[in-house]
C-alpha atoms as a PDB file:
ATOM      1  CA  MET A   1      18.902  -5.771 -11.586  1.00  0.00           C
ATOM      2  CA  PRO A   2      16.535  -3.108 -10.242  1.00  0.00           C
ATOM      3  CA  GLU A   3      13.311  -4.372  -8.716  1.00  0.00           C
ATOM      4  CA  ILE A   4      10.178  -2.985  -7.100  1.00  0.00           C
ATOM      5  CA  ARG A   5       9.607  -4.148  -3.538  1.00  0.00           C
ATOM      6  CA  ILE A   6       6.452  -3.784  -1.435  1.00  0.00           C
ATOM      7  CA  ASP A   7       6.655  -2.980   2.282  1.00  0.00           C
ATOM      8  CA  PRO A   8       4.584  -5.646   4.085  1.00  0.00           C
ATOM      9  CA  LEU A   9       3.677  -3.235   6.907  1.00  0.00           C
ATOM     10  CA  SER A  10       2.461  -0.280   4.837  1.00  0.00           C
ATOM     11  CA  GLY A  11       2.082  -1.466   1.237  1.00  0.00           C
ATOM     12  CA  HIS A  12       4.467   1.287   0.112  1.00  0.00           C
ATOM     13  CA  ARG A  13       6.453   0.505  -3.056  1.00  0.00           C
ATOM     14  CA  THR A  14      10.174   1.231  -3.498  1.00  0.00           C
ATOM     15  CA  ILE A  15      12.488   0.756  -6.472  1.00  0.00           C
ATOM     16  CA  ILE A  16      15.659  -0.942  -5.220  1.00  0.00           C
ATOM     17  CA  ALA A  17      18.539  -0.198  -7.591  1.00  0.00           C
ATOM     18  CA  GLY A  18      21.461  -1.303  -5.476  1.00  0.00           C
ATOM     19  CA  GLU A  19      24.006  -1.531  -8.252  1.00  0.00           C
ATOM     20  CA  ARG A  20      23.947   2.265  -8.506  1.00  0.00           C
ATOM     21  CA  SER A  21      25.683   2.590  -5.128  1.00  0.00           C
ATOM     22  CA  ARG A  22      28.581   0.412  -6.301  1.00  0.00           C
ATOM     23  CA  ARG A  23      29.587   2.759  -9.092  1.00  0.00           C
ATOM     24  CA  PRO A  24      32.688   4.922  -8.354  1.00  0.00           C
ATOM     25  CA  GLY A  25      31.746   7.587  -5.835  1.00  0.00           C
ATOM     26  CA  GLY A  26      28.241   6.204  -5.507  1.00  0.00           C
ATOM     27  CA  GLU A  27      28.439   4.957  -1.919  1.00  0.00           C
ATOM     28  CA  PRO A  28      26.577   7.470   0.289  1.00  0.00           C
ATOM     29  CA  ARG A  29      28.671   9.068   3.012  1.00  0.00           C
ATOM     30  CA  CYS A  30      28.372  12.175   5.146  1.00  0.00           C
ATOM     31  CA  ALA A  31      30.769  14.829   6.403  1.00  0.00           C
ATOM     32  CA  PRO A  32      31.107  15.489  10.140  1.00  0.00           C
ATOM     33  CA  PRO A  33      29.064  18.509  11.271  1.00  0.00           C
ATOM     34  CA  GLU A  34      30.405  21.496  13.142  1.00  0.00           C
ATOM     35  CA  PRO A  35      30.316  21.089  16.942  1.00  0.00           C
ATOM     36  CA  ILE A  36      27.671  22.908  18.956  1.00  0.00           C
ATOM     37  CA  ASP A  37      28.496  26.340  20.351  1.00  0.00           C
ATOM     38  CA  VAL A  38      27.606  25.626  23.993  1.00  0.00           C
ATOM     39  CA  ALA A  39      27.294  29.320  24.842  1.00  0.00           C
ATOM     40  CA  ARG A  40      24.424  29.613  22.331  1.00  0.00           C
ATOM     41  CA  ASP A  41      22.768  26.275  23.134  1.00  0.00           C
ATOM     42  CA  PRO A  42      19.344  26.833  24.776  1.00  0.00           C
ATOM     43  CA  PHE A  43      19.110  23.150  25.716  1.00  0.00           C
ATOM     44  CA  ALA A  44      22.403  23.064  27.625  1.00  0.00           C
ATOM     45  CA  GLU A  45      22.395  22.672  31.391  1.00  0.00           C
ATOM     46  CA  ARG A  46      22.290  26.040  33.214  1.00  0.00           C
ATOM     47  CA  HIS A  47      20.465  27.571  30.255  1.00  0.00           C
ATOM     48  CA  GLU A  48      17.055  26.568  31.608  1.00  0.00           C
ATOM     49  CA  ASP A  49      15.874  30.182  31.463  1.00  0.00           C
ATOM     50  CA  ARG A  50      16.178  30.111  27.653  1.00  0.00           C
ATOM     51  CA  THR A  51      13.297  27.652  27.205  1.00  0.00           C
ATOM     52  CA  PRO A  52       9.622  27.738  28.206  1.00  0.00           C
ATOM     53  CA  PRO A  53       9.022  26.463  31.771  1.00  0.00           C
ATOM     54  CA  GLU A  54       9.512  22.715  31.949  1.00  0.00           C
ATOM     55  CA  LEU A  55       6.636  20.254  31.974  1.00  0.00           C
ATOM     56  CA  TYR A  56       8.609  17.307  33.305  1.00  0.00           C
ATOM     57  CA  ALA A  57      12.190  16.436  34.209  1.00  0.00           C
ATOM     58  CA  VAL A  58      14.300  13.687  35.714  1.00  0.00           C
ATOM     59  CA  ARG A  59      16.933  14.694  38.257  1.00  0.00           C
ATOM     60  CA  PRO A  60      19.468  12.412  39.988  1.00  0.00           C
ATOM     61  CA  GLY A  61      18.438  11.221  43.416  1.00  0.00           C
ATOM     62  CA  GLY A  62      14.832  12.088  42.843  1.00  0.00           C
ATOM     63  CA  GLY A  63      13.072  10.621  39.864  1.00  0.00           C
ATOM     64  CA  PRO A  64      10.631  12.263  37.515  1.00  0.00           C
ATOM     65  CA  GLY A  65       9.084  15.550  38.532  1.00  0.00           C
ATOM     66  CA  GLU A  66       5.328  15.792  38.310  1.00  0.00           C
ATOM     67  CA  GLU A  67       3.963  17.792  35.426  1.00  0.00           C
ATOM     68  CA  GLY A  68       3.974  21.447  36.478  1.00  0.00           C
ATOM     69  CA  GLY A  69       5.345  20.551  39.917  1.00  0.00           C
ATOM     70  CA  VAL A  70       8.601  20.058  41.814  1.00  0.00           C
ATOM     71  CA  GLY A  71      10.621  16.886  41.365  1.00  0.00           C
ATOM     72  CA  VAL A  72      12.130  15.199  44.391  1.00  0.00           C
ATOM     73  CA  GLY A  73      15.596  15.697  42.908  1.00  0.00           C
ATOM     74  CA  GLY A  74      15.326  19.477  42.612  1.00  0.00           C
ATOM     75  CA  ALA A  75      13.173  22.420  41.670  1.00  0.00           C
ATOM     76  CA  PRO A  76      11.815  22.780  38.135  1.00  0.00           C
ATOM     77  CA  ASN A  77      13.868  24.859  35.693  1.00  0.00           C
ATOM     78  CA  SER A  78      17.059  24.367  37.687  1.00  0.00           C
ATOM     79  CA  PRO A  79      20.313  22.537  36.774  1.00  0.00           C
ATOM     80  CA  GLY A  80      20.966  18.934  37.690  1.00  0.00           C
ATOM     81  CA  TRP A  81      18.552  17.223  35.291  1.00  0.00           C
ATOM     82  CA  THR A  82      19.278  14.249  33.059  1.00  0.00           C
ATOM     83  CA  VAL A  83      16.248  14.552  30.704  1.00  0.00           C
ATOM     84  CA  ARG A  84      14.012  17.598  30.443  1.00  0.00           C
ATOM     85  CA  VAL A  85      10.649  18.269  28.741  1.00  0.00           C
ATOM     86  CA  VAL A  86       9.378  21.715  27.724  1.00  0.00           C
ATOM     87  CA  PRO A  87       6.571  22.985  25.495  1.00  0.00           C
ATOM     88  CA  ASN A  88       7.643  23.707  21.937  1.00  0.00           C
ATOM     89  CA  LEU A  89       8.291  27.443  21.660  1.00  0.00           C
ATOM     90  CA  TYR A  90       6.608  27.459  18.229  1.00  0.00           C
ATOM     91  CA  PRO A  91       3.904  24.804  18.614  1.00  0.00           C
ATOM     92  CA  ALA A  92       2.206  23.144  15.683  1.00  0.00           C
ATOM     93  CA  LEU A  93      -0.626  22.002  17.982  1.00  0.00           C
ATOM     94  CA  THR A  94      -2.182  23.664  21.042  1.00  0.00           C
ATOM     95  CA  PRO A  95      -4.882  22.480  23.473  1.00  0.00           C
ATOM     96  CA  ASP A  96      -6.894  25.684  22.989  1.00  0.00           C
ATOM     97  CA  ALA A  97      -6.540  26.146  19.226  1.00  0.00           C
ATOM     98  CA  ALA A  98      -9.057  28.587  17.800  1.00  0.00           C
ATOM     99  CA  GLU A  99     -11.535  27.756  15.085  1.00  0.00           C
ATOM    100  CA  PRO A 100      -9.918  28.555  11.714  1.00  0.00           C
ATOM    101  CA  GLU A 101     -11.299  31.021   9.255  1.00  0.00           C
ATOM    102  CA  ARG A 102     -13.971  29.353   7.141  1.00  0.00           C
ATOM    103  CA  HIS A 103     -13.107  28.734   3.500  1.00  0.00           C
ATOM    104  CA  ASP A 104     -16.289  26.850   2.555  1.00  0.00           C
ATOM    105  CA  ASP A 105     -18.946  29.516   3.042  1.00  0.00           C
ATOM    106  CA  ASP A 106     -20.602  28.522  -0.214  1.00  0.00           C
ATOM    107  CA  GLY A 107     -21.254  25.035   1.112  1.00  0.00           C
ATOM    108  CA  SER A 108     -19.015  23.356  -1.459  1.00  0.00           C
ATOM    109  CA  GLU A 109     -16.896  21.563   1.183  1.00  0.00           C
ATOM    110  CA  LEU A 110     -13.845  21.918  -1.051  1.00  0.00           C
ATOM    111  CA  PHE A 111     -11.852  23.984   1.448  1.00  0.00           C
ATOM    112  CA  LEU A 112     -12.175  22.406   4.863  1.00  0.00           C
ATOM    113  CA  ALA A 113     -10.156  23.309   7.946  1.00  0.00           C
ATOM    114  CA  ARG A 114     -10.315  22.422  11.616  1.00  0.00           C
ATOM    115  CA  PRO A 115      -8.558  23.622  14.780  1.00  0.00           C
ATOM    116  CA  ALA A 116      -5.028  22.229  15.292  1.00  0.00           C
ATOM    117  CA  ILE A 117      -5.852  20.855  18.739  1.00  0.00           C
ATOM    118  CA  GLY A 118      -3.314  18.811  20.655  1.00  0.00           C
ATOM    119  CA  ALA A 119       0.072  19.138  22.322  1.00  0.00           C
ATOM    120  CA  HIS A 120       3.596  19.700  21.003  1.00  0.00           C
ATOM    121  CA  GLU A 121       6.501  19.044  23.359  1.00  0.00           C
ATOM    122  CA  VAL A 122      10.291  18.993  23.159  1.00  0.00           C
ATOM    123  CA  ILE A 123      12.192  16.293  25.057  1.00  0.00           C
ATOM    124  CA  VAL A 124      15.835  17.253  25.581  1.00  0.00           C
ATOM    125  CA  ASN A 125      17.582  13.885  25.447  1.00  0.00           C
ATOM    126  CA  GLY A 126      20.433  14.892  27.760  1.00  0.00           C
ATOM    127  CA  PRO A 127      22.313  17.882  29.172  1.00  0.00           C
ATOM    128  CA  GLN A 128      25.317  17.128  26.945  1.00  0.00           C
ATOM    129  CA  SER A 129      25.648  19.524  23.987  1.00  0.00           C
ATOM    130  CA  VAL A 130      25.896  16.861  21.281  1.00  0.00           C
ATOM    131  CA  LEU A 131      24.153  16.563  17.928  1.00  0.00           C
ATOM    132  CA  SER A 132      23.124  12.912  17.941  1.00  0.00           C
ATOM    133  CA  LEU A 133      21.769  10.236  20.222  1.00  0.00           C
ATOM    134  CA  ALA A 134      24.773   8.202  19.050  1.00  0.00           C
ATOM    135  CA  ASP A 135      27.058  10.719  20.781  1.00  0.00           C
ATOM    136  CA  LEU A 136      25.442  10.108  24.176  1.00  0.00           C
ATOM    137  CA  PRO A 137      26.423   7.294  26.546  1.00  0.00           C
ATOM    138  CA  ALA A 138      24.179   4.244  26.263  1.00  0.00           C
ATOM    139  CA  GLU A 139      22.759   4.820  29.750  1.00  0.00           C
ATOM    140  CA  GLN A 140      21.763   8.377  28.806  1.00  0.00           C
ATOM    141  CA  VAL A 141      19.912   7.098  25.713  1.00  0.00           C
ATOM    142  CA  ALA A 142      18.087   4.636  27.969  1.00  0.00           C
ATOM    143  CA  ALA A 143      17.083   7.513  30.285  1.00  0.00           C
ATOM    144  CA  ALA A 144      15.840   9.555  27.317  1.00  0.00           C
ATOM    145  CA  VAL A 145      13.810   6.647  25.924  1.00  0.00           C
ATOM    146  CA  ASP A 146      12.209   6.157  29.362  1.00  0.00           C
ATOM    147  CA  VAL A 147      11.027   9.765  29.242  1.00  0.00           C
ATOM    148  CA  TRP A 148       9.754   9.342  25.675  1.00  0.00           C
ATOM    149  CA  ARG A 149       7.573   6.565  27.015  1.00  0.00           C
ATOM    150  CA  ALA A 150       6.480   8.548  30.078  1.00  0.00           C
ATOM    151  CA  ARG A 151       5.346  11.507  27.982  1.00  0.00           C
ATOM    152  CA  MET A 152       3.522   9.268  25.513  1.00  0.00           C
ATOM    153  CA  ARG A 153       1.668   7.656  28.421  1.00  0.00           C
ATOM    154  CA  ALA A 154       0.799  11.106  29.777  1.00  0.00           C
ATOM    155  CA  HIS A 155      -1.121  11.927  26.579  1.00  0.00           C
ATOM    156  CA  TYR A 156      -2.617   8.509  25.827  1.00  0.00           C
ATOM    157  CA  ALA A 157      -6.042   9.120  27.373  1.00  0.00           C
ATOM    158  CA  ASP A 158      -6.692  12.382  25.523  1.00  0.00           C
ATOM    159  CA  ALA A 159      -5.028  11.844  22.135  1.00  0.00           C
ATOM    160  CA  ALA A 160      -6.159   9.663  19.255  1.00  0.00           C
ATOM    161  CA  TYR A 161      -2.507   9.192  18.341  1.00  0.00           C
ATOM    162  CA  VAL A 162       0.826  10.234  19.868  1.00  0.00           C
ATOM    163  CA  GLN A 163       3.768  10.630  17.476  1.00  0.00           C
ATOM    164  CA  LEU A 164       7.340  10.747  18.804  1.00  0.00           C
ATOM    165  CA  ILE A 165      10.052  11.881  16.389  1.00  0.00           C
ATOM    166  CA  VAL A 166      13.737  12.806  16.381  1.00  0.00           C
ATOM    167  CA  ASN A 167      15.265  15.038  13.689  1.00  0.00           C
ATOM    168  CA  GLU A 168      19.078  15.201  13.622  1.00  0.00           C
ATOM    169  CA  ARG A 169      21.001  17.915  11.724  1.00  0.00           C
ATOM    170  CA  PRO A 170      19.492  20.678   9.558  1.00  0.00           C
ATOM    171  CA  GLU A 171      19.337  18.429   6.491  1.00  0.00           C
ATOM    172  CA  ALA A 172      16.705  16.391   8.347  1.00  0.00           C
ATOM    173  CA  GLY A 173      14.757  19.378   9.629  1.00  0.00           C
ATOM    174  CA  ALA A 174      16.409  20.052  12.999  1.00  0.00           C
ATOM    175  CA  SER A 175      16.221  23.765  13.828  1.00  0.00           C
ATOM    176  CA  LEU A 176      18.371  23.363  16.966  1.00  0.00           C
ATOM    177  CA  PRO A 177      21.433  21.082  16.926  1.00  0.00           C
ATOM    178  CA  HIS A 178      21.310  19.739  20.526  1.00  0.00           C
ATOM    179  CA  THR A 179      19.830  16.234  20.407  1.00  0.00           C
ATOM    180  CA  HIS A 180      16.144  16.296  21.253  1.00  0.00           C
ATOM    181  CA  ALA A 181      12.872  14.538  20.469  1.00  0.00           C
ATOM    182  CA  GLN A 182       9.482  16.034  19.698  1.00  0.00           C
ATOM    183  CA  LEU A 183       6.107  14.708  20.748  1.00  0.00           C
ATOM    184  CA  TYR A 184       2.873  15.466  18.884  1.00  0.00           C
ATOM    185  CA  ALA A 185      -0.404  14.521  20.602  1.00  0.00           C
ATOM    186  CA  LEU A 186      -3.006  14.420  17.797  1.00  0.00           C
ATOM    187  CA  ASP A 187      -6.790  14.304  17.992  1.00  0.00           C
ATOM    188  CA  PHE A 188      -6.933  12.107  14.870  1.00  0.00           C
ATOM    189  CA  VAL A 189      -5.072   9.090  13.478  1.00  0.00           C
ATOM    190  CA  PRO A 190      -2.880  10.074  10.484  1.00  0.00           C
ATOM    191  CA  ALA A 191      -3.594   8.295   7.213  1.00  0.00           C
ATOM    192  CA  ASP A 192      -0.294   6.376   7.082  1.00  0.00           C
ATOM    193  CA  VAL A 193      -0.819   5.077  10.616  1.00  0.00           C
ATOM    194  CA  ALA A 194      -4.423   4.147   9.861  1.00  0.00           C
ATOM    195  CA  ARG A 195      -3.285   2.223   6.774  1.00  0.00           C
ATOM    196  CA  GLU A 196      -0.784   0.228   8.835  1.00  0.00           C
ATOM    197  CA  ARG A 197      -3.409  -0.377  11.514  1.00  0.00           C
ATOM    198  CA  GLU A 198      -5.792  -1.814   8.920  1.00  0.00           C
ATOM    199  CA  ARG A 199      -3.102  -4.000   7.333  1.00  0.00           C
ATOM    200  CA  ALA A 200      -2.053  -5.350  10.738  1.00  0.00           C
ATOM    201  CA  GLY A 201      -5.661  -6.086  11.704  1.00  0.00           C
ATOM    202  CA  ALA A 202      -6.428  -7.747   8.384  1.00  0.00           C
ATOM    203  CA  TYR A 203      -3.335  -9.955   8.692  1.00  0.00           C
ATOM    204  CA  THR A 204      -4.379 -11.068  12.179  1.00  0.00           C
ATOM    205  CA  THR A 205      -7.826 -11.981  10.890  1.00  0.00           C
ATOM    206  CA  ARG A 206      -6.489 -13.757   7.807  1.00  0.00           C
ATOM    207  CA  THR A 207      -3.922 -15.804   9.773  1.00  0.00           C
ATOM    208  CA  MET A 208      -6.239 -16.566  12.704  1.00  0.00           C
ATOM    209  CA  GLY A 209      -4.400 -14.599  15.352  1.00  0.00           C
ATOM    210  CA  HIS A 210      -0.859 -14.024  14.077  1.00  0.00           C
ATOM    211  CA  ASN A 211       0.888 -10.686  14.525  1.00  0.00           C
ATOM    212  CA  LEU A 212       2.166  -9.126  11.284  1.00  0.00           C
ATOM    213  CA  LEU A 213       5.348  -7.553  12.634  1.00  0.00           C
ATOM    214  CA  GLU A 214       6.121 -10.586  14.816  1.00  0.00           C
ATOM    215  CA  ASP A 215       5.918 -12.896  11.793  1.00  0.00           C
ATOM    216  CA  LEU A 216       7.966 -10.481   9.682  1.00  0.00           C
ATOM    217  CA  VAL A 217      10.736 -10.286  12.296  1.00  0.00           C
ATOM    218  CA  ALA A 218      10.776 -14.079  12.706  1.00  0.00           C
ATOM    219  CA  GLU A 219      11.181 -14.566   8.960  1.00  0.00           C
ATOM    220  CA  GLU A 220      13.886 -11.891   8.747  1.00  0.00           C
ATOM    221  CA  VAL A 221      15.807 -13.601  11.555  1.00  0.00           C
ATOM    222  CA  ARG A 222      15.450 -16.948   9.780  1.00  0.00           C
ATOM    223  CA  ARG A 223      16.814 -15.514   6.527  1.00  0.00           C
ATOM    224  CA  SER A 224      19.387 -13.328   8.350  1.00  0.00           C
ATOM    225  CA  GLU A 225      20.521 -11.389   5.253  1.00  0.00           C
ATOM    226  CA  ARG A 226      19.002  -8.093   6.400  1.00  0.00           C
ATOM    227  CA  ILE A 227      19.672  -8.484  10.136  1.00  0.00           C
ATOM    228  CA  VAL A 228      22.111  -5.893  11.506  1.00  0.00           C
ATOM    229  CA  ALA A 229      22.102  -6.788  15.212  1.00  0.00           C
ATOM    230  CA  ILE A 230      20.026  -8.688  17.733  1.00  0.00           C
ATOM    231  CA  ASP A 231      19.966  -8.906  21.522  1.00  0.00           C
ATOM    232  CA  ASP A 232      17.709 -10.444  24.164  1.00  0.00           C
ATOM    233  CA  GLU A 233      15.143  -7.655  23.792  1.00  0.00           C
ATOM    234  CA  ALA A 234      14.938  -6.523  20.188  1.00  0.00           C
ATOM    235  CA  VAL A 235      16.020  -6.938  16.577  1.00  0.00           C
ATOM    236  CA  LEU A 236      17.627  -4.311  14.321  1.00  0.00           C
ATOM    237  CA  LEU A 237      17.300  -4.822  10.570  1.00  0.00           C
ATOM    238  CA  ALA A 238      17.389  -3.108   7.195  1.00  0.00           C
ATOM    239  CA  PRO A 239      13.775  -3.300   5.949  1.00  0.00           C
ATOM    240  CA  TYR A 240      13.108  -5.364   2.833  1.00  0.00           C
ATOM    241  CA  ALA A 241      11.577  -2.388   0.987  1.00  0.00           C
ATOM    242  CA  SER A 242      13.790   0.332   2.506  1.00  0.00           C
ATOM    243  CA  ARG A 243      12.889   3.706   1.052  1.00  0.00           C
ATOM    244  CA  LEU A 244      16.272   5.295   1.765  1.00  0.00           C
ATOM    245  CA  PRO A 245      19.908   4.130   1.898  1.00  0.00           C
ATOM    246  CA  PHE A 246      20.801   2.596   5.268  1.00  0.00           C
ATOM    247  CA  GLN A 247      17.243   2.778   6.574  1.00  0.00           C
ATOM    248  CA  LEU A 248      16.803   0.737   9.757  1.00  0.00           C
ATOM    249  CA  MET A 249      13.941  -0.708  11.753  1.00  0.00           C
ATOM    250  CA  LEU A 250      14.054  -1.755  15.402  1.00  0.00           C
ATOM    251  CA  ALA A 251      11.333  -4.071  16.709  1.00  0.00           C
ATOM    252  CA  PRO A 252      10.840  -6.004  19.953  1.00  0.00           C
ATOM    253  CA  ARG A 253      11.394  -9.755  19.920  1.00  0.00           C
ATOM    254  CA  LYS A 254       8.059 -10.243  21.716  1.00  0.00           C
ATOM    255  CA  PRO A 255       5.206  -8.233  20.161  1.00  0.00           C
ATOM    256  CA  VAL A 256       3.713  -5.459  22.289  1.00  0.00           C
ATOM    257  CA  PRO A 257       1.154  -3.084  20.751  1.00  0.00           C
ATOM    258  CA  ARG A 258       2.358   0.113  22.401  1.00  0.00           C
ATOM    259  CA  PHE A 259       5.882   1.428  22.711  1.00  0.00           C
ATOM    260  CA  GLU A 260       4.914   3.402  25.807  1.00  0.00           C
ATOM    261  CA  THR A 261       3.907   0.281  27.755  1.00  0.00           C
ATOM    262  CA  ASP A 262       7.032  -1.730  26.898  1.00  0.00           C
ATOM    263  CA  GLY A 263      10.513  -1.287  28.373  1.00  0.00           C
ATOM    264  CA  VAL A 264      12.935  -2.630  25.785  1.00  0.00           C
ATOM    265  CA  GLY A 265      14.965  -1.472  22.805  1.00  0.00           C
ATOM    266  CA  ALA A 266      17.079   1.438  24.080  1.00  0.00           C
ATOM    267  CA  ALA A 267      20.357  -0.494  24.085  1.00  0.00           C
ATOM    268  CA  LEU A 268      19.928  -1.722  20.514  1.00  0.00           C
ATOM    269  CA  LEU A 269      18.820   1.739  19.393  1.00  0.00           C
ATOM    270  CA  HIS A 270      22.097   3.214  20.645  1.00  0.00           C
ATOM    271  CA  ASP A 271      24.020   0.357  19.042  1.00  0.00           C
ATOM    272  CA  GLY A 272      22.329   0.898  15.673  1.00  0.00           C
ATOM    273  CA  LEU A 273      22.925   4.651  15.627  1.00  0.00           C
ATOM    274  CA  SER A 274      26.570   4.065  16.595  1.00  0.00           C
ATOM    275  CA  ARG A 275      26.956   1.573  13.741  1.00  0.00           C
ATOM    276  CA  LEU A 276      25.605   4.143  11.293  1.00  0.00           C
ATOM    277  CA  ALA A 277      28.150   6.701  12.506  1.00  0.00           C
ATOM    278  CA  ARG A 278      31.039   4.239  12.164  1.00  0.00           C
ATOM    279  CA  ALA A 279      29.985   2.966   8.732  1.00  0.00           C
ATOM    280  CA  LEU A 280      29.366   6.434   7.273  1.00  0.00           C
ATOM    281  CA  GLY A 281      32.233   8.290   8.943  1.00  0.00           C
ATOM    282  CA  SER A 282      29.904  10.482  11.007  1.00  0.00           C
ATOM    283  CA  SER A 283      26.437  10.429  12.520  1.00  0.00           C
ATOM    284  CA  PRO A 284      24.293  11.177   9.453  1.00  0.00           C
ATOM    285  CA  PRO A 285      21.380  13.566   9.167  1.00  0.00           C
ATOM    286  CA  LEU A 286      18.392  11.417   9.994  1.00  0.00           C
ATOM    287  CA  ASN A 287      14.764  11.219  10.960  1.00  0.00           C
ATOM    288  CA  LEU A 288      13.702   8.726  13.602  1.00  0.00           C
ATOM    289  CA  TRP A 289      10.156   7.982  14.674  1.00  0.00           C
ATOM    290  CA  VAL A 290       8.265   5.634  16.935  1.00  0.00           C
ATOM    291  CA  ARG A 291       5.313   3.779  15.433  1.00  0.00           C
ATOM    292  CA  THR A 292       2.942   2.751  18.215  1.00  0.00           C
ATOM    293  CA  ALA A 293      -0.625   1.465  18.283  1.00  0.00           C
ATOM    294  CA  PRO A 294      -3.371   4.102  18.098  1.00  0.00           C
ATOM    295  CA  ARG A 295      -5.578   4.351  21.152  1.00  0.00           C
ATOM    296  CA  GLY A 296      -7.774   1.293  21.595  1.00  0.00           C
ATOM    297  CA  VAL A 297      -5.910  -0.858  19.032  1.00  0.00           C
ATOM    298  CA  GLU A 298      -4.405  -4.180  20.139  1.00  0.00           C
ATOM    299  CA  ARG A 299      -3.638  -5.994  16.870  1.00  0.00           C
ATOM    300  CA  PHE A 300      -0.406  -4.119  16.303  1.00  0.00           C
ATOM    301  CA  CYS A 301       3.254  -4.054  17.382  1.00  0.00           C
ATOM    302  CA  TRP A 302       5.414  -0.994  17.992  1.00  0.00           C
ATOM    303  CA  ARG A 303       8.660  -0.314  16.188  1.00  0.00           C
ATOM    304  CA  ILE A 304      11.243   2.436  15.669  1.00  0.00           C
ATOM    305  CA  ASP A 305      12.107   3.547  12.130  1.00  0.00           C
ATOM    306  CA  ILE A 306      15.444   5.270  11.397  1.00  0.00           C
ATOM    307  CA  ALA A 307      15.767   7.077   8.047  1.00  0.00           C
ATOM    308  CA  PRO A 308      19.213   8.578   7.269  1.00  0.00           C
ATOM    309  CA  ARG A 309      19.033  11.525   4.875  1.00  0.00           C
ATOM    310  CA  LEU A 310      21.970  10.745   2.600  1.00  0.00           C
ATOM    311  CA  THR A 311      20.199  11.375  -0.700  1.00  0.00           C
ATOM    312  CA  HIS A 312      17.639  13.943  -1.814  1.00  0.00           C
ATOM    313  CA  LEU A 313      13.993  13.345  -2.552  1.00  0.00           C
ATOM    314  CA  ALA A 314      13.539  14.374  -6.169  1.00  0.00           C
ATOM    315  CA  GLY A 315      10.923  14.435  -8.893  1.00  0.00           C
ATOM    316  CA  LEU A 316      10.012  10.740  -8.809  1.00  0.00           C
ATOM    317  CA  GLU A 317       9.430  10.657  -5.058  1.00  0.00           C
ATOM    318  CA  LEU A 318       7.567  13.967  -4.929  1.00  0.00           C
ATOM    319  CA  SER A 319       5.349  13.279  -7.938  1.00  0.00           C
ATOM    320  CA  THR A 320       4.430   9.650  -7.207  1.00  0.00           C
ATOM    321  CA  GLY A 321       5.357   8.779  -3.618  1.00  0.00           C
ATOM    322  CA  LEU A 322       7.530   6.030  -5.120  1.00  0.00           C
ATOM    323  CA  ASN A 323      11.028   5.972  -3.631  1.00  0.00           C
ATOM    324  CA  LEU A 324      14.233   5.077  -5.472  1.00  0.00           C
ATOM    325  CA  ASN A 325      16.795   3.527  -3.116  1.00  0.00           C
ATOM    326  CA  ILE A 326      20.328   3.183  -4.503  1.00  0.00           C
ATOM    327  CA  VAL A 327      21.633   0.993  -1.657  1.00  0.00           C
ATOM    328  CA  ALA A 328      20.102  -2.472  -1.421  1.00  0.00           C
ATOM    329  CA  PRO A 329      19.109  -3.219   2.178  1.00  0.00           C
ATOM    330  CA  GLU A 330      21.087  -6.484   2.091  1.00  0.00           C
ATOM    331  CA  HIS A 331      24.235  -4.500   1.234  1.00  0.00           C
ATOM    332  CA  ALA A 332      23.494  -1.895   3.909  1.00  0.00           C
ATOM    333  CA  ALA A 333      22.940  -4.584   6.525  1.00  0.00           C
ATOM    334  CA  ALA A 334      26.252  -6.263   5.677  1.00  0.00           C
ATOM    335  CA  LEU A 335      28.142  -2.991   6.011  1.00  0.00           C
ATOM    336  CA  LEU A 336      26.483  -2.200   9.330  1.00  0.00           C
ATOM    337  CA  ARG A 337      27.127  -5.688  10.699  1.00  0.00           C
ATOM    338  CA  ASP A 338      30.813  -5.151   9.980  1.00  0.00           C
ATOM    339  CA  ALA A 339      30.783  -1.695  11.594  1.00  0.00           C
END
């Protein structure tokens, strides 16, 4: 029977109607995408002149180049890199954003605007012209995740919150097919993050020191029905109140507030994305994001959320914020365990 579930981390409500996926033709799947045309790929190796000048890169035999400088492994904007960071060509945030045109000249305060101050970077996850992190070797994913962390640390002192995302395939908002991440350094804490921060802090106070995500992961492991995979570092599971079919969450086994100060999870991330590709017949369109503690917050634990885009948001979701998920997370977890 359908039921409404509440996400313990955010309070978000989702209708779980899993029986709908078991009807004929109801199981979500995805068709393989067209391969990348390497000649037109601006993120491919030896196409460095097609992007803005790099901010940071890792090159074999050297290590990370300093921001705006020369890496030991080679000159900036030259071939031979394993992970490369450039400014977004069409930034949503800039460090010198101008004051917007005023819309509240009558003093009503109904039309407020502020400068979009911050940073917007692109992290090219590897020189290989592939569409998904799942298509990269596991060691290349680990190298990319290390750079995600390095760039988040680089902005920590100046940003109220740093958001790292990955969009894969046009259906999930990717404008370029080559696998890449985007980093947004914000001068405010977004409302959804603030809500999770407050819930995590309130739980710690109420339970006299417990960590919300740590306790949630421990209980999920005890029950096991939504666990997809587990290793010495992290746990991969289908969240209890998953908003979308085959949604996944990766969390460390030992709670750490900030993703950028930890060093675990890359291996299980690659494993989880590979399981999705095997179970669905292809790497699906998806959105992936890192949830980390806002600056100065300690009563928190980082995680990675993976949201495949196998169904469309429609009237219910857009009008109420209430999701309808047609694949029960227990069913999704079982399929992914078998993959």
